[in-house]
Each structure stands twice: as structure tokens, then as C-alpha cells.
């Protein structure tokens, strides 16, 4: 039986992978939580997560499946576009209340496991139009979860740029080149979706 003190929302992307190594450096006993919300790139995300997460955390990865929530969504994160013919914009990647849903799921799992700290690697570089990704939203949600439960939402990278996260990853020895962050292609980085643009800019600045 594992005795966890932290839950990390993990995806195999640059930010959450760097955070995993950051938590490892602090000696945290981490439960990595991978959320399958019906995203068309989930297999690539999960396979990447297994490759890049610190070895100490690999056997503890927990998968939560909530794909039915977005079954009827036309978001290009759910229905994969044909990048040869479809013009995909940031608005096309919108999913309603995604961050609220993810954090609620993570907090529920954490409380069930008697874990008080939930970590999210959210940073202020998301180009999509979610209404639940503002500083005010996260502050209010964190207060609610802490005041009416036992969960504290931690976002240590919230004020970081993608470049600053990548630089920290280099210092921590994170295999950042192996991470996967694309939202528009299920096999490889497309290079043009908002996540890819931010990731490439960060890596090119190193």
C-alpha cells in the first residue's frame, strides 16, 4: 500500500512532467493522476507519460475515465481534425468547464486517498477560451475546496512562462524533448496548435 502525500495531475506534457521532477526533488510521495476525457490523443499522452515520468512514480499512475462527459462535443480535442484540410483555431479546441471538471475529479480522488495536496502544472499561456482558467477562478475554487473539505490546490508554475518551465526542466534533468503536448494530432506534434507553438518557442529559447 502506497502512502501518498501529493496528487499530481499528469499528462506527459512539458509542464506536468517538469512538475513531477520538481516534486521528486522535494521528496514528495506522488500519486500521478491521468484523466481520460475522451481526447483523441489520449493514447499518445499516456504512452508518453509512462516514458517521461520519474521511475519512482511510474507504478503509481492512476487513470480516471470521464469520456462520457464530452461524448457529444465537437471540440477538436475530442474529434480529431484533418490537418491537411481543416483550419483549426484556438476556439476550436474549447471544452466547457474543463479545468473545473479536472480539478474537481482530482480533489475527489485526493480526498478519497487521504491526500491533502493536489498539484496542477497550469501556467498562464493557454490560448483557448475557457472561462475557468483565470487567476480569480483558481483562487476561488482553491478556497472552496480548502474551506469545505481537506484539499489544497497547488499551482506553483501559475506565474511561470513556458520558457521558465523548460529552463527548470533542464536544471532538473527532465527529458523535455520526449514530452507530448499537441492537442490537434494524435500521433505527433502538429507544430501549429497553441500548445505546440508555446512548446516550440520555449524549447527554441533554451
Protein backbone atom coordinates (compact mmCIF):
# COMPACT_ATOMS: atom_id res chain seq x y z
CA UNK A 1 0.00 0.00 0.00
CA UNK A 2 1.40 3.37 -1.06
CA UNK A 3 1.35 6.28 1.37
CA UNK A 4 0.95 9.38 -0.79
CA UNK A 5 1.23 12.97 0.36
CA UNK A 6 0.56 14.62 -3.01
CA UNK A 7 -1.58 14.08 -6.10
CA UNK A 8 -0.27 15.36 -9.44
CA UNK A 9 -2.47 15.90 -12.48
CA UNK A 10 -0.15 14.30 -15.05
CA UNK A 11 -0.43 14.15 -18.83
CA UNK A 12 3.01 13.54 -20.27
CA UNK A 13 3.18 17.18 -21.33
CA UNK A 14 6.09 19.52 -20.70
CA UNK A 15 4.61 21.35 -17.72
CA UNK A 16 3.30 18.42 -15.71
CA UNK A 17 6.44 16.38 -16.38
CA UNK A 18 8.66 19.16 -15.08
CA UNK A 19 6.41 19.41 -12.06
CA UNK A 20 6.76 15.67 -11.44
CA UNK A 21 10.54 16.04 -11.28
CA UNK A 22 10.17 19.17 -9.16
CA UNK A 23 8.05 17.23 -6.67
CA UNK A 24 10.52 14.36 -6.74
CA UNK A 25 13.32 16.77 -5.83
CA UNK A 26 11.31 17.78 -2.76
CA UNK A 27 10.88 14.17 -1.69
CA UNK A 28 7.13 14.09 -2.31
CA UNK A 29 5.29 10.77 -2.44
CA UNK A 30 3.20 11.37 -5.53
CA UNK A 31 0.06 9.78 -6.93
CA UNK A 32 0.07 10.73 -10.66
CA UNK A 33 -3.47 11.10 -11.99
CA UNK A 34 -4.10 10.75 -15.73
CA UNK A 35 -7.56 11.85 -16.88
CA UNK A 36 -9.09 10.24 -19.97
CA UNK A 37 -11.78 12.70 -21.00
CA UNK A 38 -12.22 11.31 -24.49
CA UNK A 39 -9.35 13.29 -26.01
CA UNK A 40 -8.34 11.80 -29.36
CA UNK A 41 -4.66 11.99 -28.40
CA UNK A 42 -5.02 10.15 -25.09
CA UNK A 43 -3.02 7.09 -26.17
CA UNK A 44 -0.03 9.20 -27.19
CA UNK A 45 -0.35 11.23 -23.99
CA UNK A 46 -0.49 8.16 -21.77
CA UNK A 47 2.32 6.32 -23.54
CA UNK A 48 4.46 9.43 -23.26
CA UNK A 49 3.61 9.81 -19.58
CA UNK A 50 4.91 6.32 -18.89
CA UNK A 51 8.17 7.17 -20.68
CA UNK A 52 8.88 10.54 -19.11
CA UNK A 53 7.60 10.39 -15.53
CA UNK A 54 10.21 9.72 -12.82
CA UNK A 55 10.74 6.00 -12.34
CA UNK A 56 9.68 6.22 -8.70
CA UNK A 57 6.18 7.33 -9.71
CA UNK A 58 5.57 5.07 -12.68
CA UNK A 59 3.88 2.19 -10.87
CA UNK A 60 1.51 4.58 -9.10
CA UNK A 61 -0.12 6.14 -12.18
CA UNK A 62 -3.91 6.19 -11.75
CA UNK A 63 -6.21 6.52 -14.77
CA UNK A 64 -9.65 8.09 -14.39
CA UNK A 65 -12.06 7.82 -17.35
CA UNK A 66 -14.71 10.51 -17.77
CA UNK A 67 -15.07 10.48 -21.55
CA UNK A 68 -18.86 10.35 -21.50
CA UNK A 69 -18.92 13.97 -20.33
CA UNK A 70 -17.71 15.22 -23.71
CA UNK A 71 -19.14 12.47 -25.91
CA UNK A 72 -21.24 14.93 -27.93
CA UNK A 73 -18.61 17.65 -28.08
CA UNK A 74 -17.43 18.96 -31.44
CA UNK A 75 -14.18 20.22 -29.92
CA UNK A 76 -11.13 19.33 -31.97
CA UNK A 77 -9.65 17.86 -28.82
CA UNK A 78 -12.37 15.21 -28.98
CA UNK A 79 -12.89 14.89 -32.73
CA UNK A 80 -9.51 14.79 -34.41
CA UNK A 81 -9.18 17.22 -37.34
CA UNK A 82 -7.74 16.51 -40.76
CA UNK A 83 -4.83 18.92 -40.58
CA UNK A 84 -4.38 18.80 -44.34
CA UNK A 85 -7.83 20.26 -44.91
CA UNK A 86 -9.18 21.73 -41.66
CA UNK A 87 -8.28 25.18 -40.40
CA UNK A 88 -8.07 24.69 -36.63
CA UNK A 89 -8.11 27.72 -34.34
CA UNK A 90 -7.75 28.02 -30.57
CA UNK A 91 -11.53 28.42 -30.29
CA UNK A 92 -11.99 25.01 -31.94
CA UNK A 93 -10.16 23.41 -29.01
CA UNK A 94 -12.57 24.75 -26.39
CA UNK A 95 -14.10 22.33 -23.90
CA UNK A 96 -16.65 23.71 -21.41
CA UNK A 97 -15.57 23.75 -17.77
CA UNK A 98 -12.60 21.51 -18.47
CA UNK A 99 -10.40 22.90 -15.71
CA UNK A 100 -13.25 22.88 -13.20
CA UNK A 101 -14.01 19.26 -14.08
CA UNK A 102 -10.38 18.14 -13.87
CA UNK A 103 -9.71 19.85 -10.56
CA UNK A 104 -12.95 18.51 -9.08
CA UNK A 105 -12.03 14.97 -10.14
CA UNK A 106 -8.51 15.36 -8.78
CA UNK A 107 -9.77 16.76 -5.48
CA UNK A 108 -12.28 13.90 -5.16
CA UNK A 109 -9.61 11.26 -5.74
CA UNK A 110 -7.23 13.02 -3.37
CA UNK A 111 -9.74 13.20 -0.53
CA UNK A 112 -10.65 9.54 -1.07
CA UNK A 113 -6.95 8.68 -0.72
CA UNK A 114 -6.44 10.95 2.31
CA UNK A 115 -4.16 13.22 0.29
CA UNK A 116 -4.38 16.90 1.16
CA UNK A 117 -2.31 18.45 -1.63
CA UNK A 118 -3.31 18.45 -5.31
CA UNK A 119 -0.75 19.79 -7.78
CA UNK A 120 -1.58 21.19 -11.20
CA UNK A 121 1.06 22.45 -13.64
CA UNK A 122 -1.25 25.07 -15.13
CA UNK A 123 0.57 28.16 -16.44
CA UNK A 124 -0.75 31.37 -17.93
CA UNK A 125 -0.12 30.50 -21.56
CA UNK A 126 -3.36 28.81 -22.58
CA UNK A 127 -4.74 30.43 -25.76
CA UNK A 128 -8.05 28.62 -25.62
CA UNK A 129 -11.15 30.41 -24.41
CA UNK A 130 -12.01 28.50 -21.23
CA UNK A 131 -13.87 30.67 -18.74
CA UNK A 132 -12.36 28.65 -15.89
CA UNK A 133 -8.68 29.42 -16.36
CA UNK A 134 -8.33 32.84 -14.75
CA UNK A 135 -6.37 33.58 -11.58
CA UNK A 136 -9.60 34.65 -9.89
CA UNK A 137 -11.30 31.36 -10.76
CA UNK A 138 -8.46 29.23 -9.42
CA UNK A 139 -8.18 31.31 -6.26
CA UNK A 140 -11.91 30.98 -5.55
CA UNK A 141 -12.02 27.26 -6.31
CA UNK A 142 -8.99 26.65 -4.13
CA UNK A 143 -10.66 28.49 -1.27
CA UNK A 144 -13.87 26.47 -1.64
CA UNK A 145 -12.08 23.12 -1.70
CA UNK A 146 -9.94 24.03 1.29
CA UNK A 147 -12.70 25.64 3.37
CA UNK A 148 -15.33 22.96 2.71
CA UNK A 149 -13.05 19.92 2.58
CA UNK A 150 -9.46 18.97 3.14
CA UNK A 151 -7.90 19.69 -0.25
CA UNK A 152 -5.41 22.38 -1.15
CA UNK A 153 -4.90 23.15 -4.85
CA UNK A 154 -1.26 23.98 -5.57
CA UNK A 155 -0.19 25.66 -8.83
CA UNK A 156 3.47 26.55 -8.31
CA UNK A 157 4.04 27.29 -12.02
CA UNK A 158 0.98 29.50 -12.49
CA UNK A 159 3.03 32.68 -12.94
CA UNK A 160 5.78 30.99 -14.98
CA UNK A 161 6.23 31.32 -18.71
CA UNK A 162 6.63 28.16 -20.77
CA UNK A 163 10.28 29.08 -21.25
CA UNK A 164 10.81 29.32 -17.49
CA UNK A 165 9.25 25.87 -17.04
CA UNK A 166 11.53 24.45 -19.76
CA UNK A 167 14.57 26.05 -18.15
CA UNK A 168 13.65 24.49 -14.82
CA UNK A 169 13.21 21.17 -16.58
CA UNK A 170 16.74 21.36 -17.95
CA UNK A 171 18.10 22.03 -14.45
CA UNK A 172 16.19 19.05 -13.07
CA UNK A 173 17.28 16.69 -15.84
CA UNK A 174 13.77 16.27 -17.27
CA UNK A 175 13.55 14.53 -20.70
CA UNK A 176 11.66 17.53 -22.05
CA UNK A 177 12.25 16.64 -25.70
CA UNK A 178 10.25 13.44 -25.17
CA UNK A 179 7.18 15.18 -23.72
CA UNK A 180 3.96 15.39 -25.71
CA UNK A 181 1.68 18.43 -25.69
CA UNK A 182 -0.19 18.50 -29.01
CA UNK A 183 -3.97 18.99 -28.96
CA UNK A 184 -4.63 18.64 -32.68
CA UNK A 185 -2.81 15.46 -33.72
CA UNK A 186 -2.97 12.05 -32.07
CA UNK A 187 0.38 10.74 -33.34
CA UNK A 188 2.93 13.56 -33.38
CA UNK A 189 3.29 17.26 -32.67
CA UNK A 190 1.47 19.25 -35.33
CA UNK A 191 3.59 22.34 -34.65
CA UNK A 192 0.72 24.81 -35.11
CA UNK A 193 -1.81 24.30 -32.31
CA UNK A 194 -1.47 26.66 -29.31
CA UNK A 195 0.24 24.03 -27.16
CA UNK A 196 2.75 23.20 -29.88
CA UNK A 197 3.51 26.86 -30.58
CA UNK A 198 4.22 27.55 -26.90
CA UNK A 199 6.29 24.38 -26.52
CA UNK A 200 8.41 25.01 -29.61
CA UNK A 201 9.03 28.63 -28.63
CA UNK A 202 10.17 27.52 -25.17
CA UNK A 203 12.47 24.79 -26.47
CA UNK A 204 13.96 27.09 -29.11
CA UNK A 205 14.82 29.64 -26.43
CA UNK A 206 16.96 27.23 -24.44
